Amino acid sequence: MFSSQSSLESFQKYSKTLPVNKPLTGSEINEYLKDVSKYRGLLIKSQLDKDFFRTAKDGFYILNYGRIFEGTHWVAFELDGNTITYFSSLGDRPLRIFDAIPQRVIYSNYKLQSNYSMNCGLWAVAFILWRSLGRDLKDFANLFMPHDSEKLLLDNDRIMLSLLKKM
């Protein structure tokens, strides 16, 4: 949850400058989520191993599939005791490391983002903000329309950006 009403107002003010179809940097993601009390930070794929899941604090994490904090694809997950809620806007199955951990992994295989969109960082931010308000993955996914049409998937970006500006 946001730590205070002023934190939510701060995010809403900052969100008015949301980029459209521009990849987010790690610094921008951290800025968007700085007031989410359970946000634990950014990770890159090579940081995930069984030891991470044994020692990590419960909370929200943003993961980049690449080797640096810029670039390939941003996803989000929440570690909450024995459960991990994993979100990829492309509907990707969680990385294989998630198969080798004791926690139960919940995820959606709905593709919500077009391959022509570069907004995966904003999708990950929107998911964490949604979860920080106590709402679940299924309700988040149901706000959008999974499509096979890349053109129709671009409409989901507009819905997601509108949602971000309201949260």
Protein backbone atom coordinates (compact mmCIF):
# COMPACT_ATOMS: atom_id res chain seq x y z
CA MET A 1 0.00 0.00 0.00
CA PHE A 2 1.05 3.57 -0.36
CA SER A 3 2.51 4.76 2.91
CA SER A 4 0.26 7.81 3.01
CA GLN A 5 -2.28 9.82 1.05
CA SER A 6 0.50 12.29 0.17
CA SER A 7 2.47 9.40 -1.39
CA LEU A 8 -0.48 8.57 -3.63
CA GLU A 9 -0.85 12.23 -4.57
CA SER A 10 2.88 12.39 -5.31
CA PHE A 11 2.60 9.43 -7.67
CA GLN A 12 -0.46 10.88 -9.38
CA LYS A 13 1.41 14.15 -9.98
CA TYR A 14 4.45 12.31 -11.35
CA SER A 15 2.28 10.01 -13.50
CA LYS A 16 1.05 12.96 -15.56
CA THR A 17 4.45 12.78 -17.30
CA LEU A 18 4.08 9.10 -18.26
CA PRO A 19 5.99 8.29 -21.42
CA VAL A 20 4.05 6.67 -24.23
CA ASN A 21 5.68 3.75 -26.01
CA LYS A 22 9.10 4.49 -24.61
CA PRO A 23 11.05 1.88 -22.66
CA LEU A 24 11.40 2.80 -19.00
CA THR A 25 14.77 2.86 -17.33
CA GLY A 26 15.34 1.30 -13.95
CA SER A 27 15.61 4.79 -12.46
CA GLU A 28 12.20 5.75 -13.83
CA ILE A 29 10.62 2.58 -12.44
CA ASN A 30 12.14 3.25 -9.02
CA GLU A 31 10.80 6.81 -9.14
CA TYR A 32 7.27 5.62 -9.93
CA LEU A 33 7.31 3.06 -7.11
CA LYS A 34 9.32 4.89 -4.45
CA ASP A 35 6.27 5.47 -2.23
CA VAL A 36 4.97 1.89 -2.35
CA SER A 37 5.89 0.62 1.09
CA LYS A 38 6.43 -3.01 0.05
CA TYR A 39 8.44 -2.22 -3.10
CA ARG A 40 11.80 -3.97 -2.72
CA GLY A 41 13.49 -2.90 -5.94
CA LEU A 42 14.84 -4.02 -9.29
CA LEU A 43 16.43 -7.33 -10.16
CA ILE A 44 18.08 -8.75 -13.23
CA LYS A 45 17.63 -12.37 -14.25
CA SER A 46 21.10 -13.43 -13.07
CA GLN A 47 20.23 -12.35 -9.49
CA LEU A 48 17.45 -14.93 -9.22
CA ASP A 49 18.49 -18.23 -7.72
CA LYS A 50 17.17 -20.53 -4.99
CA ASP A 51 19.09 -18.54 -2.35
CA PHE A 52 17.31 -15.36 -3.37
CA PHE A 53 13.91 -16.90 -2.65
CA ARG A 54 15.08 -18.28 0.71
CA THR A 55 16.33 -14.90 1.93
CA ALA A 56 14.21 -12.30 0.11
CA LYS A 57 11.78 -10.15 2.05
CA ASP A 58 8.12 -10.29 1.20
CA GLY A 59 7.17 -7.50 -1.16
CA PHE A 60 7.11 -6.35 -4.77
CA TYR A 61 9.98 -6.78 -7.22
CA ILE A 62 10.56 -5.70 -10.80
CA LEU A 63 12.65 -8.07 -12.89
CA ASN A 64 14.43 -7.33 -16.15
CA TYR A 65 15.11 -10.31 -18.41
CA GLY A 66 18.39 -8.73 -19.52
CA ARG A 67 21.82 -8.46 -17.95
CA ILE A 68 21.47 -4.80 -17.01
CA PHE A 69 18.66 -2.64 -15.66
CA GLU A 70 17.73 -1.30 -19.07
CA GLY A 71 16.47 -3.10 -22.01
CA THR A 72 14.82 -6.35 -22.79
CA HIS A 73 11.56 -7.02 -20.89
CA TRP A 74 10.30 -5.89 -17.49
CA VAL A 75 8.06 -8.17 -15.42
CA ALA A 76 6.82 -7.87 -11.84
CA PHE A 77 6.28 -10.28 -9.03
CA GLU A 78 5.11 -10.22 -5.45
CA LEU A 79 6.62 -12.51 -2.86
CA ASP A 80 4.12 -13.10 -0.07
CA GLY A 81 5.11 -15.93 2.24
CA ASN A 82 4.64 -19.19 0.37
CA THR A 83 3.10 -17.57 -2.71
CA ILE A 84 4.55 -15.64 -5.63
CA THR A 85 2.26 -13.67 -7.92
CA TYR A 86 4.08 -13.18 -11.24
CA PHE A 87 3.04 -10.78 -14.00
CA SER A 88 4.30 -10.43 -17.55
CA SER A 89 2.33 -8.16 -19.87
CA LEU A 90 3.29 -10.47 -22.74
CA GLY A 91 1.66 -13.42 -20.98
CA ASP A 92 5.00 -15.19 -20.62
CA ARG A 93 5.28 -18.18 -18.34
CA PRO A 94 7.54 -17.44 -15.35
CA LEU A 95 11.27 -18.09 -15.82
CA ARG A 96 12.45 -21.65 -15.12
CA ILE A 97 13.98 -20.68 -11.76
CA PHE A 98 10.40 -20.28 -10.51
CA ASP A 99 9.87 -24.02 -11.15
CA ALA A 100 12.67 -24.90 -8.72
CA ILE A 101 11.45 -22.99 -5.66
CA PRO A 102 9.13 -24.14 -2.90
CA GLN A 103 6.72 -21.21 -3.18
CA ARG A 104 3.50 -21.61 -5.14
CA VAL A 105 3.58 -19.43 -8.28
CA ILE A 106 0.43 -17.79 -9.62
CA TYR A 107 0.54 -16.12 -13.02
CA SER A 108 -1.63 -15.10 -15.95
CA ASN A 109 -0.87 -16.32 -19.44
CA TYR A 110 -3.01 -13.58 -21.01
CA LYS A 111 -1.09 -11.52 -23.52
CA LEU A 112 -2.10 -7.93 -22.76
CA GLN A 113 0.68 -5.97 -24.47
CA SER A 114 1.34 -5.73 -28.19
CA ASN A 115 4.71 -6.75 -29.62
CA TYR A 116 4.76 -3.21 -31.08
CA SER A 117 4.55 -1.64 -27.63
CA MET A 118 7.59 -0.77 -25.52
CA ASN A 119 5.53 -0.14 -22.38
CA CYS A 120 6.33 -3.34 -20.45
CA GLY A 121 7.91 -1.26 -17.67
CA LEU A 122 4.70 0.72 -17.25
CA TRP A 123 2.70 -2.52 -17.27
CA ALA A 124 4.89 -3.84 -14.44
CA VAL A 125 4.45 -0.58 -12.51
CA ALA A 126 0.67 -0.67 -13.03
CA PHE A 127 0.52 -4.26 -11.78
CA ILE A 128 2.46 -3.42 -8.60
CA LEU A 129 0.31 -0.37 -7.91
CA TRP A 130 -2.81 -2.49 -8.42
CA ARG A 131 -1.54 -5.19 -6.04
CA SER A 132 -0.43 -2.58 -3.49
CA LEU A 133 -4.07 -1.52 -3.28
CA GLY A 134 -4.98 -5.09 -2.26
CA ARG A 135 -6.42 -6.15 -5.61
CA ASP A 136 -5.65 -9.47 -7.28
CA LEU A 137 -4.02 -10.57 -10.52
CA LYS A 138 -7.20 -11.96 -12.06
CA ASP A 139 -9.06 -8.67 -11.56
CA PHE A 140 -6.11 -6.77 -13.07
CA ALA A 141 -5.98 -9.02 -16.15
CA ASN A 142 -9.75 -8.79 -16.58
CA LEU A 143 -9.50 -5.00 -17.00
CA PHE A 144 -7.94 -5.64 -20.41
CA MET A 145 -8.80 -7.66 -23.46
CA PRO A 146 -6.46 -10.49 -24.46
CA HIS A 147 -6.30 -10.55 -28.27
CA ASP A 148 -4.45 -12.23 -31.07
CA SER A 149 -4.54 -8.95 -32.98
CA GLU A 150 -1.51 -6.75 -32.33
CA LYS A 151 -3.55 -3.69 -33.31
CA LEU A 152 -6.23 -4.46 -30.73
CA LEU A 153 -3.58 -5.13 -28.08
CA LEU A 154 -2.40 -1.53 -28.52
CA ASP A 155 -5.80 -0.48 -27.11
CA ASN A 156 -4.79 -2.20 -23.87
CA ASP A 157 -1.84 0.19 -23.59
CA ARG A 158 -4.25 3.13 -23.72
CA ILE A 159 -6.42 1.53 -21.02
CA MET A 160 -3.36 0.78 -18.87
CA LEU A 161 -2.02 4.34 -19.22
CA SER A 162 -5.42 5.74 -18.27
CA LEU A 163 -5.56 3.43 -15.26
CA LEU A 164 -2.09 4.52 -14.14
CA LYS A 165 -3.09 8.16 -14.24
CA LYS A 166 -6.09 7.40 -12.01
CA MET A 167 -4.25 5.28 -9.42
